[in-house]
PDB file of N, CA and C in Angstrom:
ATOM      1  N   MET A   1       0.849  -1.183   0.000  1.00  0.00           N
ATOM      2  CA  MET A   1       0.000   0.000   0.000  1.00  0.00           C
ATOM      3  C   MET A   1       0.891   1.242   0.000  1.00  0.00           C
ATOM      4  N   ASN A   2       0.431   2.267  -0.638  1.00  0.00           N
ATOM      5  CA  ASN A   2       1.148   3.533  -0.724  1.00  0.00           C
ATOM      6  C   ASN A   2       1.329   4.102   0.693  1.00  0.00           C
ATOM      7  N   PRO A   3       2.548   4.492   1.088  1.00  0.00           N
ATOM      8  CA  PRO A   3       2.775   5.012   2.444  1.00  0.00           C
ATOM      9  C   PRO A   3       1.966   6.278   2.735  1.00  0.00           C
ATOM     10  N   LYS A   4       1.742   7.087   1.724  1.00  0.00           N
ATOM     11  CA  LYS A   4       0.952   8.322   1.933  1.00  0.00           C
ATOM     12  C   LYS A   4      -0.504   7.976   2.252  1.00  0.00           C
ATOM     13  N   LEU A   5      -1.062   7.011   1.525  1.00  0.00           N
ATOM     14  CA  LEU A   5      -2.431   6.580   1.798  1.00  0.00           C
ATOM     15  C   LEU A   5      -2.540   5.927   3.165  1.00  0.00           C
ATOM     16  N   LEU A   6      -1.525   5.154   3.544  1.00  0.00           N
ATOM     17  CA  LEU A   6      -1.524   4.518   4.856  1.00  0.00           C
ATOM     18  C   LEU A   6      -1.504   5.573   5.957  1.00  0.00           C
ATOM     19  N   GLN A   7      -0.676   6.608   5.771  1.00  0.00           N
ATOM     20  CA  GLN A   7      -0.618   7.687   6.767  1.00  0.00           C
ATOM     21  C   GLN A   7      -1.952   8.423   6.855  1.00  0.00           C
ATOM     22  N   LEU A   8      -2.582   8.672   5.713  1.00  0.00           N
ATOM     23  CA  LEU A   8      -3.899   9.333   5.721  1.00  0.00           C
ATOM     24  C   LEU A   8      -4.930   8.474   6.442  1.00  0.00           C
ATOM     25  N   ALA A   9      -4.896   7.160   6.218  1.00  0.00           N
ATOM     26  CA  ALA A   9      -5.839   6.269   6.886  1.00  0.00           C
ATOM     27  C   ALA A   9      -5.602   6.258   8.388  1.00  0.00           C
ATOM     28  N   LEU A  10      -4.353   6.262   8.801  1.00  0.00           N
ATOM     29  CA  LEU A  10      -4.045   6.312  10.238  1.00  0.00           C
ATOM     30  C   LEU A  10      -4.478   7.630  10.855  1.00  0.00           C
ATOM     31  N   ASP A  11      -4.265   8.745  10.134  1.00  0.00           N
ATOM     32  CA  ASP A  11      -4.713  10.055  10.630  1.00  0.00           C
ATOM     33  C   ASP A  11      -6.227  10.094  10.764  1.00  0.00           C
ATOM     34  N   LYS A  12      -6.901   9.535   9.780  1.00  0.00           N
ATOM     35  CA  LYS A  12      -8.357   9.500   9.823  1.00  0.00           C
ATOM     36  C   LYS A  12      -8.844   8.703  11.033  1.00  0.00           C
ATOM     37  N   GLN A  13      -8.223   7.547  11.269  1.00  0.00           N
ATOM     38  CA  GLN A  13      -8.616   6.720  12.407  1.00  0.00           C
ATOM     39  C   GLN A  13      -8.337   7.444  13.722  1.00  0.00           C
ATOM     40  N   ARG A  14      -7.192   8.117  13.814  1.00  0.00           N
ATOM     41  CA  ARG A  14      -6.861   8.865  15.029  1.00  0.00           C
ATOM     42  C   ARG A  14      -7.882   9.973  15.284  1.00  0.00           C
ATOM     43  N   LEU A  15      -8.254  10.681  14.243  1.00  0.00           N
ATOM     44  CA  LEU A  15      -9.250  11.750  14.388  1.00  0.00           C
ATOM     45  C   LEU A  15     -10.616  11.188  14.783  1.00  0.00           C
ATOM     46  N   GLN A  16     -10.978  10.042  14.231  1.00  0.00           N
ATOM     47  CA  GLN A  16     -12.258   9.429  14.595  1.00  0.00           C
ATOM     48  C   GLN A  16     -12.263   9.032  16.067  1.00  0.00           C
ATOM     49  N   LEU A  17     -11.132   8.505  16.554  1.00  0.00           N
ATOM     50  CA  LEU A  17     -11.050   8.144  17.970  1.00  0.00           C
ATOM     51  C   LEU A  17     -11.106   9.382  18.859  1.00  0.00           C
ATOM     52  N   GLN A  18     -10.449  10.466  18.440  1.00  0.00           N
ATOM     53  CA  GLN A  18     -10.521  11.718  19.198  1.00  0.00           C
ATOM     54  C   GLN A  18     -11.947  12.248  19.245  1.00  0.00           C
ATOM     55  N   CYS A  19     -12.646  12.190  18.126  1.00  0.00           N
ATOM     56  CA  CYS A  19     -14.036  12.670  18.077  1.00  0.00           C
ATOM     57  C   CYS A  19     -14.924  11.845  18.994  1.00  0.00           C
ATOM     58  N   ALA A  20     -14.726  10.535  19.001  1.00  0.00           N
ATOM     59  CA  ALA A  20     -15.522   9.676  19.878  1.00  0.00           C
ATOM     60  C   ALA A  20     -15.262  10.023  21.338  1.00  0.00           C
ATOM     61  N   ALA A  21     -14.002  10.264  21.693  1.00  0.00           N
ATOM     62  CA  ALA A  21     -13.671  10.634  23.071  1.00  0.00           C
ATOM     63  C   ALA A  21     -14.289  11.982  23.432  1.00  0.00           C
ATOM     64  N   GLN A  22     -14.268  12.925  22.509  1.00  0.00           N
ATOM     65  CA  GLN A  22     -14.866  14.234  22.768  1.00  0.00           C
ATOM     66  C   GLN A  22     -16.378  14.127  22.930  1.00  0.00           C
ATOM     67  N   ARG A  23     -17.025  13.301  22.109  1.00  0.00           N
ATOM     68  CA  ARG A  23     -18.477  13.102  22.250  1.00  0.00           C
ATOM     69  C   ARG A  23     -18.808  12.511  23.612  1.00  0.00           C
ATOM     70  N   ASP A  24     -18.003  11.558  24.056  1.00  0.00           N
ATOM     71  CA  ASP A  24     -18.223  10.967  25.379  1.00  0.00           C
ATOM     72  C   ASP A  24     -18.050  12.011  26.481  1.00  0.00           C
ATOM     73  N   ALA A  25     -17.027  12.845  26.353  1.00  0.00           N
ATOM     74  CA  ALA A  25     -16.782  13.887  27.356  1.00  0.00           C
ATOM     75  C   ALA A  25     -17.933  14.887  27.394  1.00  0.00           C
ATOM     76  N   ILE A  26     -18.447  15.249  26.235  1.00  0.00           N
ATOM     77  CA  ILE A  26     -19.580  16.183  26.185  1.00  0.00           C
ATOM     78  C   ILE A  26     -20.813  15.550  26.813  1.00  0.00           C
ATOM     79  N   ALA A  27     -21.035  14.276  26.549  1.00  0.00           N
ATOM     80  CA  ALA A  27     -22.193  13.594  27.125  1.00  0.00           C
ATOM     81  C   ALA A  27     -22.104  13.560  28.641  1.00  0.00           C
ATOM     82  N   VAL A  28     -20.915  13.317  29.172  1.00  0.00           N
ATOM     83  CA  VAL A  28     -20.734  13.293  30.627  1.00  0.00           C
ATOM     84  C   VAL A  28     -20.948  14.696  31.194  1.00  0.00           C
ATOM     85  N   ALA A  29     -20.402  15.710  30.531  1.00  0.00           N
ATOM     86  CA  ALA A  29     -20.537  17.087  31.012  1.00  0.00           C
ATOM     87  C   ALA A  29     -21.974  17.584  30.920  1.00  0.00           C
ATOM     88  N   ALA A  30     -22.741  17.058  29.986  1.00  0.00           N
ATOM     89  CA  ALA A  30     -24.111  17.536  29.775  1.00  0.00           C
ATOM     90  C   ALA A  30     -25.122  16.881  30.707  1.00  0.00           C
ATOM     91  N   THR A  31     -24.699  15.922  31.514  1.00  0.00           N
ATOM     92  CA  THR A  31     -25.664  15.267  32.404  1.00  0.00           C
ATOM     93  C   THR A  31     -26.261  16.247  33.404  1.00  0.00           C
ATOM     94  N   GLY A  32     -25.540  17.296  33.743  1.00  0.00           N
ATOM     95  CA  GLY A  32     -26.065  18.294  34.682  1.00  0.00           C
ATOM     96  C   GLY A  32     -27.194  19.118  34.110  1.00  0.00           C
ATOM     97  N   VAL A  33     -27.221  19.296  32.805  1.00  0.00           N
ATOM     98  CA  VAL A  33     -28.265  20.101  32.188  1.00  0.00           C
ATOM     99  C   VAL A  33     -29.380  19.242  31.587  1.00  0.00           C
ATOM    100  N   ALA A  34     -29.307  17.944  31.792  1.00  0.00           N
ATOM    101  CA  ALA A  34     -30.324  17.044  31.224  1.00  0.00           C
ATOM    102  C   ALA A  34     -31.736  17.404  31.688  1.00  0.00           C
ATOM    103  N   PRO A  35     -31.965  17.707  32.989  1.00  0.00           N
ATOM    104  CA  PRO A  35     -33.328  18.089  33.388  1.00  0.00           C
ATOM    105  C   PRO A  35     -33.813  19.363  32.693  1.00  0.00           C
ATOM    106  N   LEU A  36     -32.928  20.321  32.505  1.00  0.00           N
ATOM    107  CA  LEU A  36     -33.295  21.556  31.808  1.00  0.00           C
ATOM    108  C   LEU A  36     -33.670  21.260  30.362  1.00  0.00           C
ATOM    109  N   LEU A  37     -32.872  20.426  29.705  1.00  0.00           N
ATOM    110  CA  LEU A  37     -33.170  20.073  28.321  1.00  0.00           C
ATOM    111  C   LEU A  37     -34.483  19.296  28.223  1.00  0.00           C
ATOM    112  N   ALA A  38     -34.766  18.448  29.208  1.00  0.00           N
ATOM    113  CA  ALA A  38     -36.034  17.725  29.216  1.00  0.00           C
ATOM    114  C   ALA A  38     -37.202  18.689  29.369  1.00  0.00           C
ATOM    115  N   ALA A  39     -37.041  19.715  30.209  1.00  0.00           N
ATOM    116  CA  ALA A  39     -38.100  20.708  30.382  1.00  0.00           C
ATOM    117  C   ALA A  39     -38.317  21.495  29.091  1.00  0.00           C
ATOM    118  N   VAL A  40     -37.234  21.847  28.424  1.00  0.00           N
ATOM    119  CA  VAL A  40     -37.349  22.574  27.151  1.00  0.00           C
ATOM    120  C   VAL A  40     -38.080  21.709  26.125  1.00  0.00           C
ATOM    121  N   ASP A  41     -37.745  20.427  26.084  1.00  0.00           N
ATOM    122  CA  ASP A  41     -38.438  19.519  25.162  1.00  0.00           C
ATOM    123  C   ASP A  41     -39.927  19.444  25.472  1.00  0.00           C
ATOM    124  N   ALA A  42     -40.274  19.411  26.761  1.00  0.00           N
ATOM    125  CA  ALA A  42     -41.678  19.349  27.142  1.00  0.00           C
ATOM    126  C   ALA A  42     -42.420  20.616  26.710  1.00  0.00           C
ATOM    127  N   VAL A  43     -41.781  21.760  26.872  1.00  0.00           N
ATOM    128  CA  VAL A  43     -42.398  23.026  26.446  1.00  0.00           C
ATOM    129  C   VAL A  43     -42.596  23.030  24.929  1.00  0.00           C
ATOM    130  N   ARG A  44     -41.586  22.567  24.203  1.00  0.00           N
ATOM    131  CA  ARG A  44     -41.705  22.509  22.743  1.00  0.00           C
ATOM    132  C   ARG A  44     -42.846  21.587  22.314  1.00  0.00           C
ATOM    133  N   LYS A  45     -42.982  20.441  22.996  1.00  0.00           N
ATOM    134  CA  LYS A  45     -44.079  19.525  22.677  1.00  0.00           C
ATOM    135  C   LYS A  45     -45.424  20.196  22.947  1.00  0.00           C
ATOM    136  N   GLY A  46     -45.508  20.950  24.050  1.00  0.00           N
ATOM    137  CA  GLY A  46     -46.742  21.662  24.363  1.00  0.00           C
ATOM    138  C   GLY A  46     -47.081  22.707  23.315  1.00  0.00           C
ATOM    139  N   ILE A  47     -46.083  23.420  22.862  1.00  0.00           N
ATOM    140  CA  ILE A  47     -46.314  24.437  21.826  1.00  0.00           C
ATOM    141  C   ILE A  47     -46.776  23.777  20.535  1.00  0.00           C
ATOM    142  N   HIS A  48     -46.159  22.661  20.181  1.00  0.00           N
ATOM    143  CA  HIS A  48     -46.580  21.944  18.971  1.00  0.00           C
ATOM    144  C   HIS A  48     -48.007  21.421  19.117  1.00  0.00           C
ATOM    145  N   TRP A  49     -48.350  20.950  20.323  1.00  0.00           N
ATOM    146  CA  TRP A  49     -49.710  20.465  20.543  1.00  0.00           C
ATOM    147  C   TRP A  49     -50.705  21.612  20.370  1.00  0.00           C
ATOM    148  N   LEU A  50     -50.384  22.777  20.937  1.00  0.00           N
ATOM    149  CA  LEU A  50     -51.264  23.937  20.783  1.00  0.00           C
ATOM    150  C   LEU A  50     -51.428  24.312  19.316  1.00  0.00           C
ATOM    151  N   ALA A  51     -50.329  24.261  18.569  1.00  0.00           N
ATOM    152  CA  ALA A  51     -50.397  24.601  17.143  1.00  0.00           C
ATOM    153  C   ALA A  51     -51.203  23.571  16.364  1.00  0.00           C
ATOM    154  N   ASP A  52     -51.174  22.317  16.797  1.00  0.00           N
ATOM    155  CA  ASP A  52     -51.902  21.261  16.094  1.00  0.00           C
ATOM    156  C   ASP A  52     -53.382  21.211  16.460  1.00  0.00           C
ATOM    157  N   ASN A  53     -53.794  21.881  17.547  1.00  0.00           N
ATOM    158  CA  ASN A  53     -55.184  21.832  18.014  1.00  0.00           C
ATOM    159  C   ASN A  53     -55.758  23.234  18.217  1.00  0.00           C
ATOM    160  N   PRO A  54     -55.768  24.070  17.184  1.00  0.00           N
ATOM    161  CA  PRO A  54     -56.221  25.456  17.378  1.00  0.00           C
ATOM    162  C   PRO A  54     -57.707  25.556  17.706  1.00  0.00           C
ATOM    163  N   VAL A  55     -58.531  24.657  17.181  1.00  0.00           N
ATOM    164  CA  VAL A  55     -59.971  24.736  17.453  1.00  0.00           C
ATOM    165  C   VAL A  55     -60.234  24.446  18.928  1.00  0.00           C
ATOM    166  N   LEU A  56     -59.565  23.466  19.477  1.00  0.00           N
ATOM    167  CA  LEU A  56     -59.736  23.134  20.890  1.00  0.00           C
ATOM    168  C   LEU A  56     -59.261  24.283  21.774  1.00  0.00           C
ATOM    169  N   VAL A  57     -58.127  24.869  21.429  1.00  0.00           N
ATOM    170  CA  VAL A  57     -57.602  25.996  22.200  1.00  0.00           C
ATOM    171  C   VAL A  57     -58.574  27.175  22.138  1.00  0.00           C
ATOM    172  N   ALA A  58     -59.118  27.448  20.963  1.00  0.00           N
ATOM    173  CA  ALA A  58     -60.077  28.545  20.825  1.00  0.00           C
ATOM    174  C   ALA A  58     -61.346  28.254  21.633  1.00  0.00           C
ATOM    175  N   GLY A  59     -61.796  27.017  21.631  1.00  0.00           N
ATOM    176  CA  GLY A  59     -62.983  26.662  22.402  1.00  0.00           C
ATOM    177  C   GLY A  59     -62.769  26.820  23.895  1.00  0.00           C
ATOM    178  N   VAL A  60     -61.625  26.367  24.398  1.00  0.00           N
ATOM    179  CA  VAL A  60     -61.328  26.509  25.826  1.00  0.00           C
ATOM    180  C   VAL A  60     -61.210  27.984  26.192  1.00  0.00           C
ATOM    181  N   THR A  61     -60.561  28.755  25.327  1.00  0.00           N
ATOM    182  CA  THR A  61     -60.435  30.192  25.584  1.00  0.00           C
ATOM    183  C   THR A  61     -61.801  30.864  25.609  1.00  0.00           C
ATOM    184  N   ALA A  62     -62.650  30.518  24.671  1.00  0.00           N
ATOM    185  CA  ALA A  62     -64.003  31.089  24.654  1.00  0.00           C
ATOM    186  C   ALA A  62     -64.759  30.686  25.917  1.00  0.00           C
ATOM    187  N   GLY A  63     -64.584  29.456  26.365  1.00  0.00           N
ATOM    188  CA  GLY A  63     -65.226  29.021  27.604  1.00  0.00           C
ATOM    189  C   GLY A  63     -64.769  29.840  28.795  1.00  0.00           C
ATOM    190  N   PHE A  64     -63.477  30.121  28.879  1.00  0.00           N
ATOM    191  CA  PHE A  64     -62.978  30.949  29.973  1.00  0.00           C
ATOM    192  C   PHE A  64     -63.509  32.378  29.883  1.00  0.00           C
ATOM    193  N   VAL A  65     -63.598  32.896  28.666  1.00  0.00           N
ATOM    194  CA  VAL A  65     -64.123  34.257  28.494  1.00  0.00           C
ATOM    195  C   VAL A  65     -65.564  34.333  28.981  1.00  0.00           C
ATOM    196  N   ILE A  66     -66.336  33.321  28.663  1.00  0.00           N
ATOM    197  CA  ILE A  66     -67.745  33.319  29.071  1.00  0.00           C
ATOM    198  C   ILE A  66     -67.875  33.068  30.561  1.00  0.00           C
ATOM    199  N   ALA A  67     -67.131  32.115  31.100  1.00  0.00           N
ATOM    200  CA  ALA A  67     -67.285  31.724  32.497  1.00  0.00           C
ATOM    201  C   ALA A  67     -66.620  32.706  33.463  1.00  0.00           C
ATOM    202  N   ARG A  68     -65.421  33.136  33.184  1.00  0.00           N
ATOM    203  CA  ARG A  68     -64.664  33.976  34.116  1.00  0.00           C
ATOM    204  C   ARG A  68     -63.972  35.110  33.371  1.00  0.00           C
ATOM    205  N   PRO A  69     -64.695  36.136  32.963  1.00  0.00           N
ATOM    206  CA  PRO A  69     -64.065  37.182  32.147  1.00  0.00           C
ATOM    207  C   PRO A  69     -63.039  38.035  32.904  1.00  0.00           C
ATOM    208  N   ARG A  70     -63.237  38.281  34.207  1.00  0.00           N
ATOM    209  CA  ARG A  70     -62.312  39.165  34.922  1.00  0.00           C
ATOM    210  C   ARG A  70     -60.912  38.577  35.054  1.00  0.00           C
ATOM    211  N   PRO A  71     -60.755  37.342  35.513  1.00  0.00           N
ATOM    212  CA  PRO A  71     -59.390  36.802  35.579  1.00  0.00           C
ATOM    213  C   PRO A  71     -58.716  36.737  34.212  1.00  0.00           C
ATOM    214  N   LEU A  72     -59.487  36.429  33.196  1.00  0.00           N
ATOM    215  CA  LEU A  72     -58.911  36.374  31.863  1.00  0.00           C
ATOM    216  C   LEU A  72     -58.459  37.768  31.427  1.00  0.00           C
ATOM    217  N   ALA A  73     -59.260  38.774  31.724  1.00  0.00           N
ATOM    218  CA  ALA A  73     -58.871  40.140  31.368  1.00  0.00           C
ATOM    219  C   ALA A  73     -57.585  40.531  32.095  1.00  0.00           C
ATOM    220  N   ARG A  74     -57.452  40.103  33.342  1.00  0.00           N
ATOM    221  CA  ARG A  74     -56.238  40.398  34.099  1.00  0.00           C
ATOM    222  C   ARG A  74     -55.024  39.756  33.427  1.00  0.00           C
ATOM    223  N   TRP A  75     -55.172  38.508  32.989  1.00  0.00           N
ATOM    224  CA  TRP A  75     -54.052  37.824  32.334  1.00  0.00           C
ATOM    225  C   TRP A  75     -53.755  38.440  30.967  1.00  0.00           C
ATOM    226  N   VAL A  76     -54.774  38.905  30.288  1.00  0.00           N
ATOM    227  CA  VAL A  76     -54.544  39.568  29.002  1.00  0.00           C
ATOM    228  C   VAL A  76     -53.754  40.854  29.225  1.00  0.00           C
ATOM    229  N   ARG A  77     -54.123  41.619  30.259  1.00  0.00           N
ATOM    230  CA  ARG A  77     -53.371  42.844  30.570  1.00  0.00           C
ATOM    231  C   ARG A  77     -51.917  42.516  30.887  1.00  0.00           C
ATOM    232  N   ARG A  78     -51.705  41.485  31.696  1.00  0.00           N
ATOM    233  CA  ARG A  78     -50.336  41.087  32.029  1.00  0.00           C
ATOM    234  C   ARG A  78     -49.566  40.687  30.770  1.00  0.00           C
ATOM    235  N   GLY A  79     -50.220  39.979  29.886  1.00  0.00           N
ATOM    236  CA  GLY A  79     -49.572  39.583  28.641  1.00  0.00           C
ATOM    237  C   GLY A  79     -49.206  40.774  27.787  1.00  0.00           C
ATOM    238  N   VAL A  80     -50.094  41.749  27.719  1.00  0.00           N
ATOM    239  CA  VAL A  80     -49.813  42.952  26.928  1.00  0.00           C
ATOM    240  C   VAL A  80     -48.643  43.715  27.536  1.00  0.00           C
ATOM    241  N   VAL A  81     -48.624  43.840  28.861  1.00  0.00           N
ATOM    242  CA  VAL A  81     -47.517  44.532  29.525  1.00  0.00           C
ATOM    243  C   VAL A  81     -46.208  43.796  29.273  1.00  0.00           C
ATOM    244  N   ALA A  82     -46.224  42.467  29.382  1.00  0.00           N
ATOM    245  CA  ALA A  82     -45.008  41.683  29.121  1.00  0.00           C
ATOM    246  C   ALA A  82     -44.565  41.841  27.676  1.00  0.00           C
ATOM    247  N   TRP A  83     -45.504  41.823  26.752  1.00  0.00           N
ATOM    248  CA  TRP A  83     -45.163  41.981  25.346  1.00  0.00           C
ATOM    249  C   TRP A  83     -44.549  43.352  25.088  1.00  0.00           C
ATOM    250  N   GLN A  84     -45.137  44.401  25.680  1.00  0.00           N
ATOM    251  CA  GLN A  84     -44.596  45.743  25.503  1.00  0.00           C
ATOM    252  C   GLN A  84     -43.193  45.859  26.090  1.00  0.00           C
ATOM    253  N   ALA A  85     -42.978  45.245  27.249  1.00  0.00           N
ATOM    254  CA  ALA A  85     -41.647  45.265  27.858  1.00  0.00           C
ATOM    255  C   ALA A  85     -40.646  44.550  26.956  1.00  0.00           C
ATOM    256  N   TRP A  86     -41.060  43.433  26.388  1.00  0.00           N
ATOM    257  CA  TRP A  86     -40.180  42.697  25.481  1.00  0.00           C
ATOM    258  C   TRP A  86     -39.844  43.542  24.251  1.00  0.00           C
ATOM    259  N   GLN A  87     -40.832  44.255  23.728  1.00  0.00           N
ATOM    260  CA  GLN A  87     -40.583  45.107  22.571  1.00  0.00           C
ATOM    261  C   GLN A  87     -39.584  46.211  22.910  1.00  0.00           C
ATOM    262  N   ARG A  88     -39.694  46.771  24.118  1.00  0.00           N
ATOM    263  CA  ARG A  88     -38.747  47.804  24.537  1.00  0.00           C
ATOM    264  C   ARG A  88     -37.334  47.236  24.660  1.00  0.00           C
ATOM    265  N   VAL A  89     -37.220  46.048  25.215  1.00  0.00           N
ATOM    266  CA  VAL A  89     -35.908  45.406  25.352  1.00  0.00           C
ATOM    267  C   VAL A  89     -35.313  45.139  23.971  1.00  0.00           C
ATOM    268  N   ARG A  90     -36.123  44.629  23.058  1.00  0.00           N
ATOM    269  CA  ARG A  90     -35.628  44.367  21.699  1.00  0.00           C
ATOM    270  C   ARG A  90     -35.164  45.657  21.038  1.00  0.00           C
ATOM    271  N   GLN A  91     -35.943  46.723  21.201  1.00  0.00           N
ATOM    272  CA  GLN A  91     -35.575  48.007  20.608  1.00  0.00           C
ATOM    273  C   GLN A  91     -34.284  48.526  21.221  1.00  0.00           C
ATOM    274  N   TRP A  92     -34.148  48.397  22.533  1.00  0.00           N
ATOM    275  CA  TRP A  92     -32.932  48.834  23.209  1.00  0.00           C
ATOM    276  C   TRP A  92     -31.723  48.050  22.711  1.00  0.00           C
ATOM    277  N   ARG A  93     -31.883  46.748  22.498  1.00  0.00           N
ATOM    278  CA  ARG A  93     -30.771  45.922  22.015  1.00  0.00           C
ATOM    279  C   ARG A  93     -30.389  46.305  20.594  1.00  0.00           C
ATOM    280  N   VAL A  94     -31.370  46.715  19.775  1.00  0.00           N
ATOM    281  CA  VAL A  94     -31.058  47.139  18.413  1.00  0.00           C
ATOM    282  C   VAL A  94     -30.285  48.453  18.455  1.00  0.00           C
ATOM    283  N   GLU A  95     -30.680  49.332  19.343  1.00  0.00           N
ATOM    284  CA  GLU A  95     -30.022  50.635  19.425  1.00  0.00           C
ATOM    285  C   GLU A  95     -28.664  50.552  20.112  1.00  0.00           C
ATOM    286  N   ASN A  96     -28.447  49.574  20.994  1.00  0.00           N
ATOM    287  CA  ASN A  96     -27.203  49.421  21.742  1.00  0.00           C
ATOM    288  C   ASN A  96     -26.655  48.005  21.564  1.00  0.00           C
ATOM    289  N   PRO A  97     -26.154  47.678  20.382  1.00  0.00           N
ATOM    290  CA  PRO A  97     -25.763  46.289  20.115  1.00  0.00           C
ATOM    291  C   PRO A  97     -24.569  45.794  20.936  1.00  0.00           C
ATOM    292  N   LYS A  98     -23.711  46.674  21.417  1.00  0.00           N
ATOM    293  CA  LYS A  98     -22.520  46.228  22.148  1.00  0.00           C
ATOM    294  C   LYS A  98     -22.758  46.103  23.645  1.00  0.00           C
ATOM    295  N   ASN A  99     -23.913  46.492  24.138  1.00  0.00           N
ATOM    296  CA  ASN A  99     -24.200  46.394  25.580  1.00  0.00           C
ATOM    297  C   ASN A  99     -24.759  45.065  25.939  1.00  0.00           C
TER     298      ASN A  99
END
């Protein structure tokens, strides 16, 4: 076999072994954040479920509006305030990109 090809094959094998060791190290280091990642996955699944069932979500929302309008209005106000605060933060970040 050509010595250059043999050296390339050995380099490739060495790099593959290094990558495997690095993947193992990352997996061990990531065990601390596994619960956080599981929570993020659960939130994503919930968002996808909401997107897949808009009629049900609209029906439940309409039921709350009819049954308990005051608490819902309070939560809508809180949502609007949070949204406005988020818009201000986004605008501030656009105006001050290095901060």
